[in-house]
Amino acid sequence: MKFHELQVTAKKSTKRVGRGIAAGGGKTAGRGTKGQKARTGKKIKLGFEGGQTKLSSRLPKKRGFTARNQTDYRIFNLDDLARVSGATIDNAALAKAGLIRDEAELVKLLGDGEVNNRALTVELNAVSKSAQDKITKAGGTVKTTLFTPRPTAKRSKKQKLADIEQATKSDASKAKVASTEVTADNKTKPKTPKATSETPETPTN
């Protein structure tokens, strides 16, 4: 390292207070006139508001916490399966029976109620142990299916324009094919003479 390559940083000297009025920081030394903050050895805790109820005490407290990776299920019991016709119980069957609005919802089956001797084939996202025992005891089977959530990422403007352009191209190609088919049909059809409504002239004597 050479002398001209040294990086010199300017060090700002600390302000000297209490050295007279002419220095700019004399007399009260920047602490104002009297009060708790002007005394030596002042100790004020973070959030102290002069004696009134501090903000952290005024705000309502929410107990507990929300799990970061929480999975929310639509809960159904064995009694609710009486509204579903058929032996297969899955998201499509529940949606057809009006129990859920969308087949993509996560569904969990609990064990309250009875199967009523129905041999059911249950294919849901989650099934409790008690519900599984009752279904298998009645001769049915239980299979938990994995669920892939729908993509929630927003499409960019470039992707939307590309999709629109592709759709217009496909529509144009379909219209072109249809026009060629129409012209081909017109060429193959035989030309029929046009019917004239003119009446033949009668000879005059």
Protein backbone atom coordinates (compact mmCIF):
# COMPACT_ATOMS: atom_id res chain seq x y z
CA MET A 1 0.00 0.00 0.00
CA LYS A 2 1.25 3.42 -0.95
CA PHE A 3 0.75 6.68 0.83
CA HIS A 4 -1.61 8.12 -1.79
CA GLU A 5 -3.79 5.00 -1.60
CA LEU A 6 -4.74 5.53 2.03
CA GLN A 7 -8.41 6.22 2.71
CA VAL A 8 -8.64 9.06 5.19
CA THR A 9 -12.01 9.66 6.81
CA ALA A 10 -12.71 12.94 8.54
CA LYS A 11 -13.37 12.54 12.23
CA LYS A 12 -15.88 14.98 13.62
CA SER A 13 -15.03 16.12 17.12
CA THR A 14 -17.71 15.87 19.77
CA LYS A 15 -19.54 19.01 20.76
CA ARG A 16 -18.16 20.56 23.97
CA VAL A 17 -21.05 21.84 26.07
CA GLY A 18 -21.05 23.89 29.24
CA ARG A 19 -18.11 26.04 28.17
CA GLY A 20 -19.81 29.43 28.17
CA ILE A 21 -22.54 31.19 26.22
CA ALA A 22 -20.18 32.27 23.42
CA ALA A 23 -19.50 28.63 22.47
CA GLY A 24 -23.17 28.03 21.67
CA GLY A 25 -23.60 25.18 24.13
CA GLY A 26 -23.15 26.89 27.44
CA LYS A 27 -25.39 27.52 30.44
CA THR A 28 -28.08 24.80 30.07
CA ALA A 29 -25.81 22.74 27.73
CA GLY A 30 -28.63 21.94 25.30
CA ARG A 31 -30.92 20.37 27.92
CA GLY A 32 -33.39 23.22 28.22
CA THR A 33 -34.49 24.85 31.44
CA LYS A 34 -35.06 22.50 34.40
CA GLY A 35 -37.27 19.44 34.29
CA GLN A 36 -36.60 15.71 34.57
CA LYS A 37 -34.59 15.54 31.38
CA ALA A 38 -32.31 18.36 32.49
CA ARG A 39 -31.14 16.56 35.65
CA THR A 40 -28.04 14.45 35.89
CA GLY A 41 -28.52 10.72 36.12
CA LYS A 42 -31.88 10.86 34.33
CA LYS A 43 -33.27 7.42 33.60
CA ILE A 44 -36.44 7.35 31.46
CA LYS A 45 -37.63 3.97 30.25
CA LEU A 46 -38.50 3.41 26.62
CA GLY A 47 -42.19 4.25 26.02
CA PHE A 48 -42.57 6.46 29.12
CA GLU A 49 -45.13 9.22 28.44
CA GLY A 50 -44.74 11.44 31.49
CA GLY A 51 -47.00 9.47 33.79
CA GLN A 52 -50.04 8.89 31.58
CA THR A 53 -50.94 5.39 30.52
CA LYS A 54 -48.43 4.41 27.87
CA LEU A 55 -49.44 3.24 24.41
CA SER A 56 -48.43 -0.39 24.96
CA SER A 57 -50.89 -0.54 27.89
CA ARG A 58 -53.70 1.26 26.07
CA LEU A 59 -53.78 -1.11 23.10
CA PRO A 60 -55.92 -4.27 23.34
CA LYS A 61 -54.09 -7.54 23.72
CA LYS A 62 -54.64 -10.46 21.36
CA ARG A 63 -53.79 -13.68 23.11
CA GLY A 64 -52.24 -16.64 21.38
CA PHE A 65 -50.88 -16.65 17.84
CA THR A 66 -51.80 -17.67 14.30
CA ALA A 67 -49.78 -20.46 12.79
CA ARG A 68 -47.78 -19.38 9.78
CA ASN A 69 -48.42 -22.57 7.77
CA GLN A 70 -51.96 -23.21 8.96
CA THR A 71 -54.22 -25.39 6.80
CA ASP A 72 -57.93 -24.55 6.88
CA TYR A 73 -60.38 -27.40 6.20
CA ARG A 74 -64.13 -27.53 5.64
CA ILE A 75 -65.31 -29.79 8.45
CA PHE A 76 -67.96 -32.50 7.93
CA ASN A 77 -69.14 -35.39 10.07
CA LEU A 78 -70.45 -38.83 9.23
CA ASP A 79 -74.02 -37.58 9.75
CA ASP A 80 -73.57 -35.16 6.83
CA LEU A 81 -72.83 -38.03 4.43
CA ALA A 82 -76.54 -39.02 4.49
CA ARG A 83 -77.16 -36.10 2.10
CA VAL A 84 -74.73 -37.58 -0.44
CA SER A 85 -76.10 -40.24 -2.79
CA GLY A 86 -73.80 -42.97 -4.00
CA ALA A 87 -71.02 -44.99 -2.44
CA THR A 88 -68.13 -42.70 -3.43
CA ILE A 89 -67.53 -39.72 -1.20
CA ASP A 90 -65.15 -37.17 -2.72
CA ASN A 91 -65.05 -33.45 -3.39
CA ALA A 92 -67.10 -33.82 -6.58
CA ALA A 93 -69.84 -35.73 -4.75
CA LEU A 94 -69.94 -33.16 -1.94
CA ALA A 95 -70.18 -30.31 -4.46
CA LYS A 96 -73.00 -32.10 -6.30
CA ALA A 97 -74.89 -32.51 -3.01
CA GLY A 98 -74.47 -28.79 -2.27
CA LEU A 99 -72.26 -29.24 0.80
CA ILE A 100 -69.36 -27.31 -0.72
CA ARG A 101 -69.29 -24.67 -3.44
CA ASP A 102 -65.99 -25.50 -5.08
CA GLU A 103 -64.42 -28.90 -5.66
CA ALA A 104 -60.99 -27.41 -4.91
CA GLU A 105 -61.81 -26.82 -1.23
CA LEU A 106 -59.95 -28.76 1.45
CA VAL A 107 -62.32 -31.14 3.24
CA LYS A 108 -61.83 -33.06 6.48
CA LEU A 109 -64.20 -35.77 7.73
CA LEU A 110 -64.79 -36.22 11.46
CA GLY A 111 -66.33 -39.17 13.31
CA ASP A 112 -69.56 -37.76 14.81
CA GLY A 113 -72.50 -39.92 13.74
CA GLU A 114 -72.88 -43.34 12.16
CA VAL A 115 -72.33 -44.76 8.68
CA ASN A 116 -75.62 -46.75 8.79
CA ASN A 117 -74.05 -49.89 7.28
CA ARG A 118 -73.04 -48.16 4.04
CA ALA A 119 -69.88 -49.46 2.38
CA LEU A 120 -68.41 -46.10 1.42
CA THR A 121 -65.35 -45.28 -0.60
CA VAL A 122 -64.07 -42.06 0.94
CA GLU A 123 -61.47 -40.02 -0.95
CA LEU A 124 -60.98 -36.74 0.91
CA ASN A 125 -58.08 -34.56 1.97
CA ALA A 126 -58.16 -35.60 5.63
CA VAL A 127 -60.09 -38.15 7.71
CA SER A 128 -60.02 -38.46 11.49
CA LYS A 129 -59.09 -41.75 13.19
CA SER A 130 -62.58 -42.32 14.62
CA ALA A 131 -64.25 -41.73 11.24
CA GLN A 132 -61.80 -44.07 9.52
CA ASP A 133 -62.50 -46.82 12.04
CA LYS A 134 -66.28 -46.57 11.58
CA ILE A 135 -66.03 -46.58 7.78
CA THR A 136 -63.71 -49.58 7.62
CA LYS A 137 -65.84 -51.44 10.18
CA ALA A 138 -68.86 -51.02 7.88
CA GLY A 139 -66.88 -52.48 4.96
CA GLY A 140 -65.77 -49.26 3.32
CA THR A 141 -62.37 -47.88 2.37
CA VAL A 142 -60.63 -44.61 3.14
CA LYS A 143 -58.05 -42.87 0.97
CA THR A 144 -56.59 -39.44 1.68
CA THR A 145 -55.84 -37.45 -1.44
CA LEU A 146 -53.20 -34.79 -1.77
CA PHE A 147 -54.37 -31.38 -2.88
CA THR A 148 -52.43 -28.96 -5.05
CA PRO A 149 -53.65 -25.38 -4.51
CA ARG A 150 -54.50 -23.25 -7.47
CA PRO A 151 -51.80 -20.83 -8.60
CA THR A 152 -52.39 -17.39 -7.10
CA ALA A 153 -49.55 -15.54 -8.82
CA LYS A 154 -50.70 -12.68 -10.99
CA ARG A 155 -49.93 -12.87 -14.68
CA SER A 156 -47.85 -10.10 -16.10
CA LYS A 157 -49.08 -7.71 -18.76
CA LYS A 158 -46.68 -9.24 -21.28
CA GLN A 159 -48.17 -12.72 -20.73
CA LYS A 160 -51.71 -11.40 -21.14
CA LEU A 161 -50.80 -9.66 -24.42
CA ALA A 162 -49.12 -12.83 -25.68
CA ASP A 163 -52.25 -14.88 -24.90
CA ILE A 164 -54.47 -12.34 -26.68
CA GLU A 165 -52.20 -12.35 -29.72
CA GLN A 166 -52.20 -16.14 -29.84
CA ALA A 167 -55.99 -16.24 -29.56
CA THR A 168 -56.41 -13.74 -32.41
CA LYS A 169 -54.03 -15.77 -34.59
CA SER A 170 -55.99 -18.96 -33.94
CA ASP A 171 -59.28 -17.20 -34.72
CA ALA A 172 -57.84 -15.82 -37.95
CA SER A 173 -56.60 -19.25 -39.01
CA LYS A 174 -60.01 -20.80 -38.27
CA ALA A 175 -61.75 -18.10 -40.29
CA LYS A 176 -59.32 -18.67 -43.18
CA VAL A 177 -59.98 -22.43 -43.16
CA ALA A 178 -63.74 -21.82 -43.10
CA SER A 179 -63.52 -19.40 -46.05
CA THR A 180 -61.49 -21.90 -48.10
CA GLU A 181 -64.06 -24.62 -47.39
CA VAL A 182 -66.88 -22.33 -48.51
CA THR A 183 -65.11 -21.45 -51.77
CA ALA A 184 -64.40 -25.13 -52.42
CA ASP A 185 -68.06 -25.98 -51.93
CA ASN A 186 -69.11 -23.21 -54.31
CA LYS A 187 -66.76 -24.53 -57.00
CA THR A 188 -68.03 -28.11 -56.73
CA LYS A 189 -71.73 -27.23 -56.78
CA PRO A 190 -73.26 -27.24 -60.34
CA LYS A 191 -74.60 -23.97 -61.54
CA THR A 192 -78.37 -23.97 -61.92
CA PRO A 193 -80.00 -21.65 -64.45
CA LYS A 194 -81.80 -18.74 -62.93
CA ALA A 195 -85.56 -18.79 -63.26
CA THR A 196 -86.88 -15.86 -65.25
CA SER A 197 -90.23 -14.36 -64.53
CA GLU A 198 -90.64 -12.96 -68.03
CA THR A 199 -93.74 -14.23 -69.87
CA PRO A 200 -93.40 -15.17 -73.56
CA GLU A 201 -94.79 -12.67 -75.99
CA THR A 202 -97.94 -13.72 -77.81
CA PRO A 203 -97.94 -13.15 -81.60
CA THR A 204 -100.38 -10.54 -82.79
CA ASN A 205 -102.41 -10.94 -86.00
